[in-house]
Amino acid sequence: MSDKKCLGKGETPKAPKPEHKYQCARCGATAKKESRLCKPKHLKVTHHQG
């Protein structure tokens, strides 16, 4: 039994990708990637840029 050889080609254990953290466009708090806003109220203010 040679378990060491199994890890040679393509069998390398992949490390879990860290969750990408986005900041809320308004308050800078940590928000989800999809919304990018921590509060629903902030959604109405997003188009108010510039």
PDB file of N, CA and C in Angstrom:
ATOM      1  N   MET A   1       0.839  -1.206   0.000  1.00  0.00           N
ATOM      2  CA  MET A   1       0.000   0.000   0.000  1.00  0.00           C
ATOM      3  C   MET A   1       0.878   1.261   0.000  1.00  0.00           C
ATOM      4  N   SER A   2       0.783   2.035  -1.056  1.00  0.00           N
ATOM      5  CA  SER A   2       1.564   3.272  -1.111  1.00  0.00           C
ATOM      6  C   SER A   2       0.615   4.460  -1.247  1.00  0.00           C
ATOM      7  N   ASP A   3       0.196   4.987  -0.118  1.00  0.00           N
ATOM      8  CA  ASP A   3      -0.754   6.103  -0.128  1.00  0.00           C
ATOM      9  C   ASP A   3      -0.085   7.391  -0.590  1.00  0.00           C
ATOM     10  N   LYS A   4       1.230   7.458  -0.422  1.00  0.00           N
ATOM     11  CA  LYS A   4       1.946   8.685  -0.782  1.00  0.00           C
ATOM     12  C   LYS A   4       1.891   8.929  -2.288  1.00  0.00           C
ATOM     13  N   LYS A   5       1.899   7.858  -3.075  1.00  0.00           N
ATOM     14  CA  LYS A   5       1.874   8.017  -4.529  1.00  0.00           C
ATOM     15  C   LYS A   5       0.516   8.529  -5.005  1.00  0.00           C
ATOM     16  N   CYS A   6      -0.526   8.222  -4.255  1.00  0.00           N
ATOM     17  CA  CYS A   6      -1.874   8.640  -4.644  1.00  0.00           C
ATOM     18  C   CYS A   6      -1.996  10.161  -4.669  1.00  0.00           C
ATOM     19  N   LEU A   7      -1.198  10.807  -3.833  1.00  0.00           N
ATOM     20  CA  LEU A   7      -1.285  12.265  -3.751  1.00  0.00           C
ATOM     21  C   LEU A   7      -0.427  12.939  -4.815  1.00  0.00           C
ATOM     22  N   GLY A   8       0.172  12.145  -5.683  1.00  0.00           N
ATOM     23  CA  GLY A   8       1.079  12.711  -6.676  1.00  0.00           C
ATOM     24  C   GLY A   8       0.383  13.415  -7.823  1.00  0.00           C
ATOM     25  N   LYS A   9      -0.466  12.690  -8.570  1.00  0.00           N
ATOM     26  CA  LYS A   9      -1.049  13.284  -9.773  1.00  0.00           C
ATOM     27  C   LYS A   9      -2.530  13.568  -9.595  1.00  0.00           C
ATOM     28  N   GLY A  10      -2.884  14.828  -9.598  1.00  0.00           N
ATOM     29  CA  GLY A  10      -4.288  15.228  -9.595  1.00  0.00           C
ATOM     30  C   GLY A  10      -5.060  14.870  -8.341  1.00  0.00           C
ATOM     31  N   GLU A  11      -4.441  14.130  -7.435  1.00  0.00           N
ATOM     32  CA  GLU A  11      -5.165  13.721  -6.233  1.00  0.00           C
ATOM     33  C   GLU A  11      -4.826  14.619  -5.049  1.00  0.00           C
ATOM     34  N   THR A  12      -4.246  15.771  -5.341  1.00  0.00           N
ATOM     35  CA  THR A  12      -3.884  16.674  -4.249  1.00  0.00           C
ATOM     36  C   THR A  12      -5.144  17.267  -3.639  1.00  0.00           C
ATOM     37  N   PRO A  13      -5.259  17.211  -2.326  1.00  0.00           N
ATOM     38  CA  PRO A  13      -6.441  17.749  -1.643  1.00  0.00           C
ATOM     39  C   PRO A  13      -6.551  19.249  -1.849  1.00  0.00           C
ATOM     40  N   LYS A  14      -7.710  19.687  -2.334  1.00  0.00           N
ATOM     41  CA  LYS A  14      -7.900  21.116  -2.592  1.00  0.00           C
ATOM     42  C   LYS A  14      -8.406  21.825  -1.336  1.00  0.00           C
ATOM     43  N   ALA A  15      -7.791  22.935  -1.023  1.00  0.00           N
ATOM     44  CA  ALA A  15      -8.221  23.706   0.144  1.00  0.00           C
ATOM     45  C   ALA A  15      -9.517  24.448  -0.189  1.00  0.00           C
ATOM     46  N   PRO A  16     -10.442  24.490   0.749  1.00  0.00           N
ATOM     47  CA  PRO A  16     -11.715  25.183   0.537  1.00  0.00           C
ATOM     48  C   PRO A  16     -11.494  26.666   0.299  1.00  0.00           C
ATOM     49  N   LYS A  17     -12.160  27.201  -0.732  1.00  0.00           N
ATOM     50  CA  LYS A  17     -11.988  28.627  -1.051  1.00  0.00           C
ATOM     51  C   LYS A  17     -12.639  29.494   0.023  1.00  0.00           C
ATOM     52  N   PRO A  18     -11.917  30.490   0.495  1.00  0.00           N
ATOM     53  CA  PRO A  18     -12.477  31.408   1.488  1.00  0.00           C
ATOM     54  C   PRO A  18     -13.579  32.258   0.879  1.00  0.00           C
ATOM     55  N   GLU A  19     -14.655  32.475   1.637  1.00  0.00           N
ATOM     56  CA  GLU A  19     -15.770  33.261   1.110  1.00  0.00           C
ATOM     57  C   GLU A  19     -15.343  34.695   0.865  1.00  0.00           C
ATOM     58  N   HIS A  20     -15.676  35.184  -0.320  1.00  0.00           N
ATOM     59  CA  HIS A  20     -15.342  36.569  -0.644  1.00  0.00           C
ATOM     60  C   HIS A  20     -16.257  37.500   0.121  1.00  0.00           C
ATOM     61  N   LYS A  21     -15.657  38.440   0.817  1.00  0.00           N
ATOM     62  CA  LYS A  21     -16.475  39.371   1.594  1.00  0.00           C
ATOM     63  C   LYS A  21     -16.512  40.732   0.910  1.00  0.00           C
ATOM     64  N   TYR A  22     -17.709  41.195   0.646  1.00  0.00           N
ATOM     65  CA  TYR A  22     -17.878  42.509   0.019  1.00  0.00           C
ATOM     66  C   TYR A  22     -18.335  43.524   1.057  1.00  0.00           C
ATOM     67  N   GLN A  23     -17.980  44.770   0.830  1.00  0.00           N
ATOM     68  CA  GLN A  23     -18.410  45.809   1.755  1.00  0.00           C
ATOM     69  C   GLN A  23     -19.659  46.492   1.224  1.00  0.00           C
ATOM     70  N   CYS A  24     -20.548  46.867   2.140  1.00  0.00           N
ATOM     71  CA  CYS A  24     -21.772  47.565   1.758  1.00  0.00           C
ATOM     72  C   CYS A  24     -21.399  48.888   1.100  1.00  0.00           C
ATOM     73  N   ALA A  25     -22.051  49.196  -0.013  1.00  0.00           N
ATOM     74  CA  ALA A  25     -21.734  50.405  -0.767  1.00  0.00           C
ATOM     75  C   ALA A  25     -22.009  51.665   0.044  1.00  0.00           C
ATOM     76  N   ARG A  26     -22.918  51.553   1.010  1.00  0.00           N
ATOM     77  CA  ARG A  26     -23.293  52.742   1.779  1.00  0.00           C
ATOM     78  C   ARG A  26     -22.536  52.860   3.102  1.00  0.00           C
ATOM     79  N   CYS A  27     -22.657  51.848   3.946  1.00  0.00           N
ATOM     80  CA  CYS A  27     -22.104  51.969   5.306  1.00  0.00           C
ATOM     81  C   CYS A  27     -20.765  51.253   5.456  1.00  0.00           C
ATOM     82  N   GLY A  28     -20.377  50.436   4.464  1.00  0.00           N
ATOM     83  CA  GLY A  28     -19.076  49.784   4.528  1.00  0.00           C
ATOM     84  C   GLY A  28     -19.077  48.510   5.350  1.00  0.00           C
ATOM     85  N   ALA A  29     -20.255  48.086   5.801  1.00  0.00           N
ATOM     86  CA  ALA A  29     -20.342  46.856   6.579  1.00  0.00           C
ATOM     87  C   ALA A  29     -20.195  45.648   5.655  1.00  0.00           C
ATOM     88  N   THR A  30     -19.856  44.508   6.224  1.00  0.00           N
ATOM     89  CA  THR A  30     -19.686  43.305   5.425  1.00  0.00           C
ATOM     90  C   THR A  30     -21.021  42.843   4.861  1.00  0.00           C
ATOM     91  N   ALA A  31     -21.098  42.748   3.536  1.00  0.00           N
ATOM     92  CA  ALA A  31     -22.337  42.343   2.891  1.00  0.00           C
ATOM     93  C   ALA A  31     -22.090  41.123   2.016  1.00  0.00           C
ATOM     94  N   LYS A  32     -23.159  40.454   1.610  1.00  0.00           N
ATOM     95  CA  LYS A  32     -23.031  39.283   0.746  1.00  0.00           C
ATOM     96  C   LYS A  32     -22.667  39.712  -0.675  1.00  0.00           C
ATOM     97  N   LYS A  33     -22.097  38.792  -1.442  1.00  0.00           N
ATOM     98  CA  LYS A  33     -21.674  39.102  -2.810  1.00  0.00           C
ATOM     99  C   LYS A  33     -22.861  39.488  -3.682  1.00  0.00           C
ATOM    100  N   GLU A  34     -23.985  38.821  -3.460  1.00  0.00           N
ATOM    101  CA  GLU A  34     -25.144  39.037  -4.324  1.00  0.00           C
ATOM    102  C   GLU A  34     -25.738  40.428  -4.134  1.00  0.00           C
ATOM    103  N   SER A  35     -25.912  40.807  -2.872  1.00  0.00           N
ATOM    104  CA  SER A  35     -26.565  42.084  -2.602  1.00  0.00           C
ATOM    105  C   SER A  35     -25.548  43.229  -2.545  1.00  0.00           C
ATOM    106  N   ARG A  36     -24.375  42.925  -1.974  1.00  0.00           N
ATOM    107  CA  ARG A  36     -23.335  43.923  -1.752  1.00  0.00           C
ATOM    108  C   ARG A  36     -23.835  45.047  -0.861  1.00  0.00           C
ATOM    109  N   LEU A  37     -24.989  44.831  -0.247  1.00  0.00           N
ATOM    110  CA  LEU A  37     -25.546  45.800   0.687  1.00  0.00           C
ATOM    111  C   LEU A  37     -26.032  45.044   1.908  1.00  0.00           C
ATOM    112  N   CYS A  38     -25.779  45.596   3.085  1.00  0.00           N
ATOM    113  CA  CYS A  38     -26.134  44.879   4.305  1.00  0.00           C
ATOM    114  C   CYS A  38     -27.594  45.093   4.676  1.00  0.00           C
ATOM    115  N   LYS A  39     -28.184  46.204   4.236  1.00  0.00           N
ATOM    116  CA  LYS A  39     -29.583  46.466   4.576  1.00  0.00           C
ATOM    117  C   LYS A  39     -30.407  46.723   3.319  1.00  0.00           C
ATOM    118  N   PRO A  40     -31.645  46.202   3.281  1.00  0.00           N
ATOM    119  CA  PRO A  40     -32.527  46.384   2.122  1.00  0.00           C
ATOM    120  C   PRO A  40     -32.793  47.855   1.844  1.00  0.00           C
ATOM    121  N   LYS A  41     -32.764  48.677   2.886  1.00  0.00           N
ATOM    122  CA  LYS A  41     -33.021  50.111   2.717  1.00  0.00           C
ATOM    123  C   LYS A  41     -31.962  50.747   1.821  1.00  0.00           C
ATOM    124  N   HIS A  42     -30.748  50.202   1.884  1.00  0.00           N
ATOM    125  CA  HIS A  42     -29.648  50.775   1.119  1.00  0.00           C
ATOM    126  C   HIS A  42     -29.818  50.531  -0.377  1.00  0.00           C
ATOM    127  N   LEU A  43     -30.632  49.537  -0.740  1.00  0.00           N
ATOM    128  CA  LEU A  43     -30.818  49.207  -2.146  1.00  0.00           C
ATOM    129  C   LEU A  43     -31.416  50.376  -2.916  1.00  0.00           C
ATOM    130  N   LYS A  44     -32.264  51.137  -2.253  1.00  0.00           N
ATOM    131  CA  LYS A  44     -32.934  52.248  -2.926  1.00  0.00           C
ATOM    132  C   LYS A  44     -31.986  53.422  -3.147  1.00  0.00           C
ATOM    133  N   VAL A  45     -30.867  53.404  -2.429  1.00  0.00           N
ATOM    134  CA  VAL A  45     -29.964  54.549  -2.508  1.00  0.00           C
ATOM    135  C   VAL A  45     -28.786  54.276  -3.440  1.00  0.00           C
ATOM    136  N   THR A  46     -28.701  53.050  -3.969  1.00  0.00           N
ATOM    137  CA  THR A  46     -27.541  52.684  -4.780  1.00  0.00           C
ATOM    138  C   THR A  46     -27.483  53.509  -6.060  1.00  0.00           C
ATOM    139  N   HIS A  47     -28.617  53.787  -6.672  1.00  0.00           N
ATOM    140  CA  HIS A  47     -28.615  54.513  -7.944  1.00  0.00           C
ATOM    141  C   HIS A  47     -28.343  55.999  -7.734  1.00  0.00           C
ATOM    142  N   HIS A  48     -28.132  56.373  -6.477  1.00  0.00           N
ATOM    143  CA  HIS A  48     -27.963  57.785  -6.145  1.00  0.00           C
ATOM    144  C   HIS A  48     -26.489  58.184  -6.158  1.00  0.00           C
ATOM    145  N   GLN A  49     -25.677  57.446  -6.908  1.00  0.00           N
ATOM    146  CA  GLN A  49     -24.242  57.738  -6.920  1.00  0.00           C
ATOM    147  C   GLN A  49     -23.930  58.926  -7.824  1.00  0.00           C
ATOM    148  N   GLY A  50     -22.886  59.678  -7.489  1.00  0.00           N
ATOM    149  CA  GLY A  50     -22.467  60.792  -8.314  1.00  0.00           C
ATOM    150  C   GLY A  50     -23.330  61.992  -8.086  1.00  0.00           C
TER     151      GLY A  50
END
